Amino acid sequence: MDSSEWGWVTHWTDLLYQDEVWRDAQGTILRLDDMEPDYCGRVRSFCLRNAEHALNGILYEMAHGPMPSGDVAVDGFNREWDMLDAAGGDPKAWLEQADLLIALKYRSEGLPARPAVCHCGYPFIGDDGEPWDHGGCYPGIVVD
């Protein structure tokens, strides 16, 4: 992986909405699936210990509205507000909903960062190689 592709990462919170990489303290970009499970667990613990600080930083950035403007920025902005609302003001609950923290949890359990099968029981990628839409799935759903 070419680390220059991730040159925009200035703080670990920049990585919250992806489930592919982590940037260590030396600035090295690491693929989550290449990281040892115990290291992923330590990274996840670090993030959760800093949840309140991270939330305050995100709230400060959000006070200015979606940046840059446009549909993608507005969608991202709305997603963050929805996550904050669902967490009920609990910084750790908010952070645990982030794609990065979910991926780190999987990796800390020795699983791939991106599971091949959704909790509904169906694969994320179909036999034809096309992604399936799991937007309506939720934990506990059973699809027959």
N, C-alpha and C. Protein backbone atom coordinates (compact mmCIF):
# COMPACT_ATOMS: atom_id res chain seq x y z
N MET A 1 0.85 -1.17 0.00
CA MET A 1 0.00 0.00 0.00
C MET A 1 0.90 1.23 0.00
N ASP A 2 0.59 2.13 -0.85
CA ASP A 2 1.35 3.37 -0.95
C ASP A 2 0.82 4.37 0.08
N SER A 3 1.66 4.70 1.06
CA SER A 3 1.21 5.59 2.13
C SER A 3 0.89 6.99 1.65
N SER A 4 1.38 7.37 0.47
CA SER A 4 1.04 8.70 -0.04
C SER A 4 -0.44 8.81 -0.37
N GLU A 5 -1.11 7.67 -0.58
CA GLU A 5 -2.55 7.69 -0.82
C GLU A 5 -3.31 8.18 0.40
N TRP A 6 -2.69 8.09 1.56
CA TRP A 6 -3.35 8.47 2.81
C TRP A 6 -2.72 9.72 3.41
N GLY A 7 -2.10 10.54 2.58
CA GLY A 7 -1.43 11.74 3.05
C GLY A 7 -2.33 12.76 3.71
N TRP A 8 -3.62 12.67 3.49
CA TRP A 8 -4.58 13.61 4.08
C TRP A 8 -4.85 13.31 5.55
N VAL A 9 -4.37 12.17 6.06
CA VAL A 9 -4.63 11.77 7.44
C VAL A 9 -3.70 12.55 8.36
N THR A 10 -4.26 13.47 9.12
CA THR A 10 -3.46 14.25 10.07
C THR A 10 -3.73 13.84 11.51
N HIS A 11 -4.85 13.20 11.77
CA HIS A 11 -5.22 12.78 13.12
C HIS A 11 -5.98 11.46 13.01
N TRP A 12 -5.91 10.63 14.04
CA TRP A 12 -6.57 9.33 13.95
C TRP A 12 -8.06 9.45 13.72
N THR A 13 -8.67 10.54 14.14
CA THR A 13 -10.12 10.71 13.92
C THR A 13 -10.45 10.89 12.44
N ASP A 14 -9.45 11.21 11.61
CA ASP A 14 -9.69 11.29 10.17
C ASP A 14 -10.03 9.93 9.59
N LEU A 15 -9.73 8.86 10.31
CA LEU A 15 -9.91 7.50 9.82
C LEU A 15 -11.19 6.83 10.33
N LEU A 16 -12.02 7.54 11.08
CA LEU A 16 -13.17 6.93 11.73
C LEU A 16 -14.17 6.30 10.77
N TYR A 17 -14.32 6.84 9.58
CA TYR A 17 -15.39 6.39 8.69
C TYR A 17 -14.88 5.49 7.58
N GLN A 18 -13.83 4.75 7.85
CA GLN A 18 -13.32 3.75 6.92
C GLN A 18 -12.91 2.54 7.75
N ASP A 19 -12.75 1.41 7.10
CA ASP A 19 -12.45 0.17 7.82
C ASP A 19 -11.28 -0.57 7.19
N GLU A 20 -10.31 0.20 6.69
CA GLU A 20 -9.21 -0.41 5.97
C GLU A 20 -7.85 -0.21 6.62
N VAL A 21 -7.59 0.97 7.17
CA VAL A 21 -6.24 1.28 7.64
C VAL A 21 -6.23 1.98 9.00
N TRP A 22 -5.02 1.98 9.58
CA TRP A 22 -4.71 2.72 10.80
C TRP A 22 -3.40 3.45 10.55
N ARG A 23 -3.24 4.62 11.12
CA ARG A 23 -1.99 5.38 11.04
C ARG A 23 -1.36 5.36 12.42
N ASP A 24 -0.17 4.77 12.54
CA ASP A 24 0.47 4.67 13.85
C ASP A 24 1.14 5.99 14.24
N ALA A 25 1.73 6.02 15.42
CA ALA A 25 2.34 7.25 15.96
C ALA A 25 3.50 7.75 15.11
N GLN A 26 4.13 6.86 14.34
CA GLN A 26 5.24 7.27 13.47
C GLN A 26 4.74 7.74 12.11
N GLY A 27 3.43 7.71 11.89
CA GLY A 27 2.86 8.15 10.63
C GLY A 27 2.75 7.07 9.57
N THR A 28 3.09 5.84 9.93
CA THR A 28 3.01 4.73 8.99
C THR A 28 1.56 4.28 8.85
N ILE A 29 1.13 4.12 7.61
CA ILE A 29 -0.21 3.63 7.34
C ILE A 29 -0.17 2.10 7.30
N LEU A 30 -0.99 1.47 8.13
CA LEU A 30 -1.02 0.01 8.24
C LEU A 30 -2.40 -0.51 7.85
N ARG A 31 -2.43 -1.57 7.05
CA ARG A 31 -3.71 -2.22 6.74
C ARG A 31 -4.18 -2.95 7.99
N LEU A 32 -5.44 -2.79 8.35
CA LEU A 32 -5.97 -3.44 9.54
C LEU A 32 -5.81 -4.96 9.45
N ASP A 33 -6.06 -5.52 8.27
CA ASP A 33 -5.97 -6.98 8.14
C ASP A 33 -4.54 -7.49 8.26
N ASP A 34 -3.54 -6.62 8.19
CA ASP A 34 -2.15 -7.01 8.39
C ASP A 34 -1.69 -6.83 9.83
N MET A 35 -2.52 -6.19 10.65
CA MET A 35 -2.17 -5.94 12.04
C MET A 35 -2.56 -7.15 12.90
N GLU A 36 -1.75 -7.43 13.91
CA GLU A 36 -2.02 -8.52 14.84
C GLU A 36 -3.28 -8.20 15.67
N PRO A 37 -4.07 -9.22 16.01
CA PRO A 37 -5.29 -8.98 16.79
C PRO A 37 -5.05 -8.25 18.11
N ASP A 38 -3.98 -8.59 18.84
CA ASP A 38 -3.75 -7.91 20.11
C ASP A 38 -3.41 -6.43 19.91
N TYR A 39 -2.69 -6.12 18.83
CA TYR A 39 -2.39 -4.72 18.52
C TYR A 39 -3.68 -3.97 18.18
N CYS A 40 -4.56 -4.61 17.43
CA CYS A 40 -5.85 -3.99 17.09
C CYS A 40 -6.66 -3.71 18.36
N GLY A 41 -6.60 -4.64 19.30
CA GLY A 41 -7.28 -4.44 20.57
C GLY A 41 -6.72 -3.25 21.34
N ARG A 42 -5.41 -3.09 21.31
CA ARG A 42 -4.77 -1.94 21.99
C ARG A 42 -5.12 -0.63 21.30
N VAL A 43 -5.16 -0.65 19.96
CA VAL A 43 -5.53 0.56 19.21
C VAL A 43 -6.97 0.93 19.55
N ARG A 44 -7.85 -0.06 19.58
CA ARG A 44 -9.26 0.19 19.90
C ARG A 44 -9.39 0.77 21.31
N SER A 45 -8.65 0.22 22.25
CA SER A 45 -8.68 0.74 23.63
C SER A 45 -8.19 2.18 23.68
N PHE A 46 -7.12 2.48 22.93
CA PHE A 46 -6.61 3.85 22.84
C PHE A 46 -7.71 4.79 22.35
N CYS A 47 -8.38 4.39 21.29
CA CYS A 47 -9.44 5.24 20.72
C CYS A 47 -10.55 5.47 21.74
N LEU A 48 -10.97 4.41 22.42
CA LEU A 48 -12.06 4.54 23.39
C LEU A 48 -11.65 5.39 24.59
N ARG A 49 -10.38 5.28 25.02
CA ARG A 49 -9.90 6.13 26.11
C ARG A 49 -9.95 7.61 25.72
N ASN A 50 -9.82 7.88 24.44
CA ASN A 50 -9.80 9.25 23.95
C ASN A 50 -11.12 9.65 23.30
N ALA A 51 -12.19 8.93 23.60
CA ALA A 51 -13.49 9.17 22.96
C ALA A 51 -14.01 10.58 23.22
N GLU A 52 -13.91 11.05 24.45
CA GLU A 52 -14.46 12.37 24.77
C GLU A 52 -13.69 13.47 24.02
N HIS A 53 -12.37 13.35 23.99
CA HIS A 53 -11.55 14.32 23.26
C HIS A 53 -11.88 14.28 21.76
N ALA A 54 -12.03 13.08 21.22
CA ALA A 54 -12.36 12.93 19.79
C ALA A 54 -13.72 13.54 19.48
N LEU A 55 -14.69 13.27 20.35
CA LEU A 55 -16.03 13.82 20.14
C LEU A 55 -16.02 15.34 20.18
N ASN A 56 -15.30 15.90 21.13
CA ASN A 56 -15.22 17.36 21.20
C ASN A 56 -14.61 17.94 19.94
N GLY A 57 -13.59 17.30 19.40
CA GLY A 57 -12.98 17.76 18.16
C GLY A 57 -13.95 17.69 16.98
N ILE A 58 -14.68 16.58 16.90
CA ILE A 58 -15.66 16.41 15.82
C ILE A 58 -16.77 17.45 15.95
N LEU A 59 -17.25 17.67 17.18
CA LEU A 59 -18.31 18.68 17.38
C LEU A 59 -17.83 20.07 16.99
N TYR A 60 -16.59 20.37 17.32
CA TYR A 60 -16.03 21.67 16.94
C TYR A 60 -16.03 21.82 15.41
N GLU A 61 -15.57 20.77 14.73
CA GLU A 61 -15.56 20.82 13.26
C GLU A 61 -16.97 20.91 12.70
N MET A 62 -17.92 20.20 13.32
CA MET A 62 -19.29 20.19 12.82
C MET A 62 -20.00 21.52 13.04
N ALA A 63 -19.52 22.31 13.99
CA ALA A 63 -20.14 23.61 14.26
C ALA A 63 -20.08 24.52 13.04
N HIS A 64 -19.18 24.24 12.14
CA HIS A 64 -19.03 25.05 10.94
C HIS A 64 -19.89 24.53 9.79
N GLY A 65 -20.61 23.42 10.01
CA GLY A 65 -21.44 22.85 8.96
C GLY A 65 -20.62 21.95 8.05
N PRO A 66 -21.27 21.36 7.05
CA PRO A 66 -20.56 20.45 6.16
C PRO A 66 -19.51 21.17 5.34
N MET A 67 -18.30 20.60 5.35
CA MET A 67 -17.20 21.19 4.58
C MET A 67 -16.51 20.09 3.80
N PRO A 68 -16.18 20.22 2.58
CA PRO A 68 -16.65 21.28 1.71
C PRO A 68 -18.13 21.09 1.43
N SER A 69 -18.73 21.98 0.70
CA SER A 69 -20.16 21.86 0.43
C SER A 69 -20.39 20.80 -0.63
N GLY A 70 -21.61 20.41 -0.79
CA GLY A 70 -21.97 19.40 -1.79
C GLY A 70 -22.70 18.24 -1.15
N ASP A 71 -23.28 17.39 -2.00
CA ASP A 71 -24.09 16.28 -1.51
C ASP A 71 -23.30 15.30 -0.65
N VAL A 72 -22.09 14.97 -1.05
CA VAL A 72 -21.30 14.01 -0.29
C VAL A 72 -20.98 14.56 1.09
N ALA A 73 -20.61 15.83 1.16
CA ALA A 73 -20.29 16.45 2.45
C ALA A 73 -21.53 16.50 3.34
N VAL A 74 -22.66 16.83 2.76
CA VAL A 74 -23.90 16.89 3.54
C VAL A 74 -24.29 15.49 4.03
N ASP A 75 -24.12 14.48 3.19
CA ASP A 75 -24.42 13.11 3.61
C ASP A 75 -23.53 12.69 4.78
N GLY A 76 -22.24 13.00 4.70
CA GLY A 76 -21.32 12.69 5.79
C GLY A 76 -21.67 13.43 7.06
N PHE A 77 -22.01 14.69 6.92
CA PHE A 77 -22.41 15.53 8.05
C PHE A 77 -23.66 14.94 8.72
N ASN A 78 -24.65 14.59 7.92
CA ASN A 78 -25.89 14.02 8.46
C ASN A 78 -25.64 12.67 9.13
N ARG A 79 -24.72 11.87 8.57
CA ARG A 79 -24.39 10.59 9.19
C ARG A 79 -23.80 10.80 10.57
N GLU A 80 -22.89 11.76 10.69
CA GLU A 80 -22.29 12.04 12.00
C GLU A 80 -23.35 12.48 13.00
N TRP A 81 -24.27 13.36 12.59
CA TRP A 81 -25.32 13.81 13.50
C TRP A 81 -26.19 12.63 13.93
N ASP A 82 -26.52 11.75 13.00
CA ASP A 82 -27.33 10.57 13.33
C ASP A 82 -26.62 9.68 14.34
N MET A 83 -25.30 9.51 14.15
CA MET A 83 -24.52 8.70 15.09
C MET A 83 -24.50 9.34 16.47
N LEU A 84 -24.33 10.65 16.52
CA LEU A 84 -24.32 11.36 17.80
C LEU A 84 -25.66 11.23 18.50
N ASP A 85 -26.74 11.37 17.73
CA ASP A 85 -28.08 11.26 18.29
C ASP A 85 -28.32 9.86 18.84
N ALA A 86 -27.94 8.84 18.09
CA ALA A 86 -28.15 7.45 18.50
C ALA A 86 -27.35 7.10 19.76
N ALA A 87 -26.22 7.76 19.95
CA ALA A 87 -25.36 7.48 21.11
C ALA A 87 -25.87 8.14 22.38
N GLY A 88 -26.83 9.04 22.26
CA GLY A 88 -27.40 9.69 23.44
C GLY A 88 -26.40 10.50 24.23
N GLY A 89 -25.42 11.09 23.58
CA GLY A 89 -24.44 11.93 24.25
C GLY A 89 -23.30 11.17 24.91
N ASP A 90 -23.23 9.87 24.76
CA ASP A 90 -22.17 9.05 25.33
C ASP A 90 -21.02 8.96 24.33
N PRO A 91 -19.87 9.59 24.61
CA PRO A 91 -18.76 9.58 23.65
C PRO A 91 -18.30 8.19 23.23
N LYS A 92 -18.25 7.25 24.17
CA LYS A 92 -17.80 5.90 23.83
C LYS A 92 -18.83 5.19 22.94
N ALA A 93 -20.11 5.36 23.25
CA ALA A 93 -21.15 4.75 22.41
C ALA A 93 -21.11 5.34 21.01
N TRP A 94 -20.87 6.64 20.92
CA TRP A 94 -20.75 7.28 19.60
C TRP A 94 -19.57 6.70 18.83
N LEU A 95 -18.43 6.60 19.49
CA LEU A 95 -17.22 6.14 18.82
C LEU A 95 -17.32 4.67 18.40
N GLU A 96 -17.98 3.86 19.20
CA GLU A 96 -18.11 2.43 18.87
C GLU A 96 -18.94 2.19 17.62
N GLN A 97 -19.68 3.18 17.14
CA GLN A 97 -20.47 3.05 15.91
C GLN A 97 -19.63 3.34 14.66
N ALA A 98 -18.44 3.91 14.85
CA ALA A 98 -17.60 4.28 13.72
C ALA A 98 -17.06 3.03 13.02
N ASP A 99 -16.96 3.10 11.70
CA ASP A 99 -16.47 1.97 10.91
C ASP A 99 -15.11 1.48 11.39
N LEU A 100 -14.21 2.40 11.73
CA LEU A 100 -12.88 2.02 12.19
C LEU A 100 -12.95 1.18 13.46
N LEU A 101 -13.76 1.61 14.43
CA LEU A 101 -13.84 0.88 15.69
C LEU A 101 -14.49 -0.48 15.51
N ILE A 102 -15.46 -0.58 14.62
CA ILE A 102 -16.08 -1.87 14.33
C ILE A 102 -15.04 -2.80 13.71
N ALA A 103 -14.28 -2.28 12.75
CA ALA A 103 -13.25 -3.10 12.10
C ALA A 103 -12.17 -3.51 13.09
N LEU A 104 -11.77 -2.60 13.97
CA LEU A 104 -10.77 -2.95 14.99
C LEU A 104 -11.30 -4.02 15.94
N LYS A 105 -12.57 -3.97 16.26
CA LYS A 105 -13.17 -5.00 17.12
C LYS A 105 -13.10 -6.36 16.42
N TYR A 106 -13.49 -6.42 15.15
CA TYR A 106 -13.39 -7.67 14.40
C TYR A 106 -11.96 -8.19 14.41
N ARG A 107 -11.00 -7.30 14.09
CA ARG A 107 -9.60 -7.73 14.01
C ARG A 107 -9.08 -8.18 15.37
N SER A 108 -9.51 -7.52 16.45
CA SER A 108 -9.04 -7.91 17.79
C SER A 108 -9.55 -9.30 18.16
N GLU A 109 -10.61 -9.74 17.49
CA GLU A 109 -11.15 -11.08 17.70
C GLU A 109 -10.57 -12.09 16.71
N GLY A 110 -9.61 -11.64 15.89
CA GLY A 110 -8.96 -12.51 14.93
C GLY A 110 -9.73 -12.66 13.62
N LEU A 111 -10.75 -11.85 13.42
CA LEU A 111 -11.56 -11.90 12.20
C LEU A 111 -11.06 -10.86 11.21
N PRO A 112 -11.45 -10.97 9.94
CA PRO A 112 -11.10 -9.92 8.97
C PRO A 112 -11.76 -8.60 9.38
N ALA A 113 -11.12 -7.50 9.02
CA ALA A 113 -11.67 -6.17 9.35
C ALA A 113 -13.04 -5.98 8.72
N ARG A 114 -13.19 -6.52 7.53
CA ARG A 114 -14.47 -6.46 6.83
C ARG A 114 -15.02 -7.87 6.74
N PRO A 115 -16.02 -8.20 7.54
CA PRO A 115 -16.54 -9.56 7.49
C PRO A 115 -17.13 -9.87 6.11
N ALA A 116 -17.03 -11.12 5.71
CA ALA A 116 -17.55 -11.54 4.41
C ALA A 116 -19.06 -11.69 4.44
N VAL A 117 -19.61 -11.91 5.63
CA VAL A 117 -21.04 -12.13 5.77
C VAL A 117 -21.62 -11.12 6.76
N CYS A 118 -22.72 -10.52 6.39
CA CYS A 118 -23.43 -9.56 7.25
C CYS A 118 -24.08 -10.30 8.41
N HIS A 119 -24.47 -9.57 9.46
CA HIS A 119 -25.17 -10.21 10.57
C HIS A 119 -26.55 -10.74 10.16
N CYS A 120 -27.05 -10.34 8.97
CA CYS A 120 -28.32 -10.89 8.48
C CYS A 120 -28.12 -12.29 7.91
N GLY A 121 -26.85 -12.69 7.69
CA GLY A 121 -26.56 -14.02 7.19
C GLY A 121 -26.22 -14.07 5.71
N TYR A 122 -26.35 -12.96 5.02
CA TYR A 122 -26.07 -12.93 3.59
C TYR A 122 -24.72 -12.24 3.35
N PRO A 123 -24.03 -12.60 2.27
CA PRO A 123 -22.70 -12.04 2.00
C PRO A 123 -22.76 -10.57 1.61
N PHE A 124 -21.66 -9.87 1.84
CA PHE A 124 -21.55 -8.48 1.41
C PHE A 124 -21.32 -8.40 -0.09
N ILE A 125 -20.62 -9.39 -0.61
CA ILE A 125 -20.34 -9.45 -2.05
C ILE A 125 -20.98 -10.70 -2.61
N GLY A 126 -21.80 -10.55 -3.65
CA GLY A 126 -22.48 -11.68 -4.26
C GLY A 126 -21.53 -12.52 -5.09
N ASP A 127 -22.03 -13.65 -5.56
CA ASP A 127 -21.23 -14.56 -6.39
C ASP A 127 -20.76 -13.88 -7.68
N ASP A 128 -21.50 -12.86 -8.11
CA ASP A 128 -21.14 -12.14 -9.33
C ASP A 128 -20.09 -11.06 -9.08
N GLY A 129 -19.64 -10.92 -7.81
CA GLY A 129 -18.63 -9.93 -7.47
C GLY A 129 -19.19 -8.55 -7.18
N GLU A 130 -20.50 -8.40 -7.27
CA GLU A 130 -21.14 -7.11 -7.01
C GLU A 130 -21.55 -7.02 -5.54
N PRO A 131 -21.42 -5.83 -4.93
CA PRO A 131 -21.83 -5.68 -3.53
C PRO A 131 -23.34 -5.74 -3.37
N TRP A 132 -23.79 -6.32 -2.27
CA TRP A 132 -25.20 -6.37 -1.92
C TRP A 132 -25.51 -5.18 -1.03
N ASP A 133 -26.71 -4.66 -1.12
CA ASP A 133 -27.13 -3.55 -0.28
C ASP A 133 -27.63 -4.09 1.05
N HIS A 134 -26.91 -3.79 2.10
CA HIS A 134 -27.30 -4.22 3.44
C HIS A 134 -27.72 -3.01 4.28
N GLY A 135 -28.14 -1.94 3.62
CA GLY A 135 -28.52 -0.72 4.33
C GLY A 135 -29.69 -0.90 5.28
N GLY A 136 -30.56 -1.89 5.01
CA GLY A 136 -31.71 -2.12 5.87
C GLY A 136 -31.46 -3.13 6.96
N CYS A 137 -30.26 -3.69 7.04
CA CYS A 137 -29.95 -4.70 8.06
C CYS A 137 -29.66 -4.03 9.40
N TYR A 138 -29.89 -4.78 10.45
CA TYR A 138 -29.58 -4.31 11.79
C TYR A 138 -29.26 -5.52 12.64
N PRO A 139 -28.53 -5.36 13.74
CA PRO A 139 -28.20 -6.52 14.59
C PRO A 139 -29.47 -7.22 15.06
N GLY A 140 -29.49 -8.52 14.92
CA GLY A 140 -30.64 -9.30 15.34
C GLY A 140 -31.61 -9.64 14.22
N ILE A 141 -31.42 -9.03 13.05
CA ILE A 141 -32.30 -9.31 11.93
C ILE A 141 -32.10 -10.75 11.46
N VAL A 142 -33.16 -11.41 11.12
CA VAL A 142 -33.09 -12.76 10.57
C VAL A 142 -33.80 -12.71 9.22
N VAL A 143 -33.06 -13.03 8.17
CA VAL A 143 -33.62 -13.02 6.83
C VAL A 143 -33.81 -14.46 6.40
N ASP A 144 -35.04 -14.80 6.06
CA ASP A 144 -35.32 -16.18 5.60
C ASP A 144 -35.40 -16.25 4.10
